[in-house]
Protein backbone atom coordinates (compact mmCIF):
# COMPACT_ATOMS: atom_id res chain seq x y z
CA MET A 1 6.34 -13.66 3.99
CA TYR A 2 9.52 -11.94 5.02
CA LYS A 3 11.12 -10.89 8.27
CA PRO A 4 13.04 -7.51 8.09
CA GLU A 5 15.82 -6.37 10.34
CA ASN A 6 16.61 -2.59 10.15
CA GLY A 7 20.11 -1.74 9.06
CA GLY A 8 21.99 1.49 8.38
CA THR A 9 20.47 4.45 6.64
CA VAL A 10 22.05 7.63 5.18
CA MET A 11 20.11 10.55 3.70
CA ALA A 12 21.22 13.87 2.12
CA PHE A 13 18.95 16.68 0.92
CA ALA A 14 19.06 20.13 -0.52
CA GLY A 15 16.08 22.51 -0.59
CA ARG A 16 14.77 25.93 -0.92
CA ASP A 17 12.25 27.92 1.05
CA LEU A 18 9.33 29.17 -1.09
CA THR A 19 7.57 31.04 1.80
CA ASP A 20 7.78 31.03 5.57
CA TYR A 21 5.66 27.89 5.69
CA VAL A 22 6.40 26.04 2.46
CA SER A 23 9.76 24.55 1.21
CA VAL A 24 10.85 22.10 -1.44
CA GLN A 25 13.69 19.61 -1.28
CA GLY A 26 15.41 16.98 -3.22
CA SER A 27 16.71 13.98 -1.32
CA TYR A 28 18.89 10.90 -1.78
CA GLY A 29 18.67 8.04 0.65
CA TRP A 30 20.69 4.82 0.97
CA ASN A 31 19.48 1.96 3.18
CA ALA A 32 20.62 -1.57 3.81
CA ASN A 33 18.56 -4.22 5.63
CA ASP A 34 18.81 -7.93 6.39
CA LEU A 35 15.71 -9.94 5.47
CA THR A 36 14.74 -13.57 5.90
CA LEU A 37 12.52 -14.72 3.02
CA ILE A 38 10.23 -17.39 4.10
CA GLU A 39 8.21 -19.68 1.59
CA THR A 40 5.87 -22.40 2.89
CA SER A 41 3.57 -24.77 1.09
CA LEU A 42 1.21 -27.40 2.42
CA ALA A 43 0.08 -29.05 -0.69
CA PRO A 44 0.73 -31.51 -2.25
CA VAL A 45 3.38 -32.15 0.53
CA PRO A 46 4.57 -29.82 3.39
CA ARG A 47 7.77 -27.95 2.38
CA SER A 48 9.43 -24.66 3.24
CA LEU A 49 12.41 -22.41 2.57
CA GLU A 50 14.12 -19.84 4.62
CA GLN A 51 16.65 -17.69 2.91
CA PRO A 52 18.69 -14.89 4.53
CA VAL A 53 19.00 -11.86 2.18
CA ARG A 54 20.84 -8.51 2.25
CA ALA A 55 18.64 -5.84 0.52
CA THR A 56 19.99 -2.37 -0.34
CA THR A 57 17.94 0.54 -1.59
CA HIS A 58 18.82 3.86 -3.25
CA THR A 59 16.03 6.47 -3.31
CA LEU A 60 15.73 9.82 -5.09
CA ALA A 61 12.74 11.88 -4.27
CA GLY A 62 11.41 15.44 -4.63
CA GLU A 63 9.40 16.62 -1.67
CA ALA A 64 7.19 19.51 -0.59
CA LEU A 65 7.52 20.46 3.04
CA VAL A 66 4.66 22.29 4.94
CA TYR A 67 5.79 23.90 8.25
CA PHE A 68 3.38 24.77 11.01
CA ARG A 69 5.48 27.75 12.30
CA ALA A 70 7.21 30.64 10.65
CA ARG A 71 10.88 30.36 9.64
CA VAL A 72 11.97 32.52 12.61
CA SER A 73 10.55 30.06 15.12
CA ALA A 74 12.98 28.03 17.26
CA VAL A 75 10.89 24.88 16.89
CA ARG A 76 9.28 24.13 13.47
CA PRO A 77 7.22 20.89 13.02
CA TYR A 78 6.53 19.88 9.41
CA LEU A 79 4.84 17.35 7.13
CA SER A 80 6.42 16.33 3.84
CA ALA A 81 5.54 14.25 0.85
CA GLY A 82 6.71 13.79 -2.71
CA PRO A 83 7.29 11.34 -5.58
CA GLY A 84 10.48 9.56 -6.36
CA VAL A 85 12.22 6.47 -7.68
CA VAL A 86 13.71 3.62 -5.70
CA ARG A 87 16.15 0.99 -6.74
CA LEU A 88 16.19 -2.22 -4.57
CA SER A 89 18.87 -4.86 -4.97
CA ALA A 90 19.05 -8.04 -2.96
CA ARG A 91 21.40 -10.98 -2.78
CA PRO A 92 21.45 -14.15 -0.50
CA ARG A 93 23.69 -13.98 2.53
CA GLY A 94 24.28 -17.18 4.39
CA VAL A 95 22.84 -20.66 3.94
CA ALA A 96 19.18 -21.39 2.95
CA ILE A 97 17.33 -23.78 5.16
CA ALA A 98 15.02 -26.02 3.12
CA ARG A 99 12.58 -28.65 4.31
CA ARG A 100 11.76 -31.08 1.40
CA GLU A 101 12.48 -30.24 -2.15
CA VAL A 102 12.01 -26.57 -2.74
CA GLU A 103 13.02 -24.55 -5.80
CA PRO A 104 15.73 -22.09 -4.55
CA LEU A 105 15.21 -18.29 -4.85
CA ARG A 106 17.17 -16.51 -7.57
CA SER A 107 20.68 -15.77 -6.36
CA ARG A 108 20.24 -12.04 -6.83
CA PHE A 109 17.44 -9.70 -7.84
CA GLU A 110 16.94 -6.02 -8.54
CA SER A 111 14.08 -3.71 -9.12
CA TRP A 112 13.22 -0.09 -9.99
CA ASP A 113 9.96 1.24 -8.78
CA VAL A 114 8.36 4.68 -8.29
CA CYS A 115 7.58 5.71 -4.72
CA LEU A 116 5.94 8.24 -2.53
CA ARG A 117 8.05 9.48 0.40
CA VAL A 118 6.14 10.92 3.34
CA ALA A 119 7.44 12.23 6.63
CA VAL A 120 6.56 14.11 9.75
CA GLY A 121 9.31 15.79 11.51
CA ILE A 122 10.66 18.69 13.43
CA ASP A 123 13.46 21.22 13.02
CA VAL A 124 14.98 22.75 16.23
CA ARG A 125 17.18 25.86 16.03
CA ILE A 126 20.47 25.52 17.73
CA ARG A 127 21.94 28.83 16.51
CA ALA A 128 21.39 31.04 13.54
CA GLY A 129 21.72 29.02 10.28
CA PHE A 130 21.87 25.57 12.06
CA ARG A 131 19.09 23.30 13.13
CA LEU A 132 18.75 19.80 14.32
CA ARG A 133 16.18 17.61 12.41
CA TYR A 134 14.18 14.63 13.52
CA SER A 135 12.09 12.90 10.82
CA PHE A 136 9.91 9.77 10.89
CA ALA A 137 9.45 8.76 7.33
CA GLU A 138 8.04 5.96 5.15
CA THR A 139 8.83 5.31 1.52
CA ILE A 140 5.59 3.76 0.03
CA GLN A 141 6.27 1.49 -2.87
CA ALA A 142 5.47 -1.80 -4.55
CA ASN A 143 7.03 -4.85 -2.91
CA PRO A 144 9.81 -6.27 -5.20
CA VAL A 145 10.72 -8.79 -2.40
CA SER A 146 7.24 -10.33 -2.42
CA ARG A 147 7.48 -10.81 -6.15
CA GLU A 148 10.26 -13.12 -5.64
CA LEU A 149 8.30 -15.55 -3.33
CA ARG A 150 6.04 -18.27 -4.45
CA PRO A 151 3.16 -17.44 -3.99
CA PRO A 152 3.94 -13.70 -4.05
CA GLY A 153 3.28 -11.67 -0.91
CA GLU A 154 0.24 -9.50 -0.78
CA ARG A 155 1.32 -6.37 1.14
CA ARG A 156 3.44 -3.42 0.20
CA LEU A 157 7.01 -3.00 1.39
CA ALA A 158 7.08 -1.31 4.74
CA ASN A 159 10.22 0.90 4.95
CA PHE A 160 10.01 3.19 8.00
CA GLN A 161 12.86 5.23 9.06
CA ASN A 162 13.68 7.28 12.15
CA LEU A 163 16.26 9.86 11.08
CA TRP A 164 18.33 12.41 13.04
CA GLY A 165 20.33 14.96 11.25
CA ALA A 166 21.47 18.55 10.81
CA VAL A 167 20.17 21.36 8.52
CA TRP A 168 22.52 24.22 7.44
CA ARG A 169 20.96 27.33 6.00
CA PHE A 170 22.99 29.59 3.88
């Protein structure tokens, strides 16, 4: 199992309106999180390991956005989704806490995986050509962190992001 702590996130995107209600965009995202990886075994003897880890992701995705109001509207809620690729790299930070003899985790690991980026958001016009954007997104992907644990974790990696930003139209 692992315990995530949200860290910094930066995202940049460029897109094109196809109609009043449909747009496409390409996006790049960087994210850093602190994790604590926890391995526990009860047989043949109880033992455990807690390892603090710093994980960094880089994500490239292509997304389609479906707006629920026309481009001229002051408030434009939307849904978006699209495929992408994500690179996760992780390295230990700090000292591992072991109880009994436990094989240590690799000092560093990295993975490349395909992903599906989905979001719900809203664009609010401030003035002509400038909007504020709020987005709640998840990047759905395999869990490379769980593959490092013994036994491997069973769930997918949960990477939720609340993002605030600006949209310039030119």
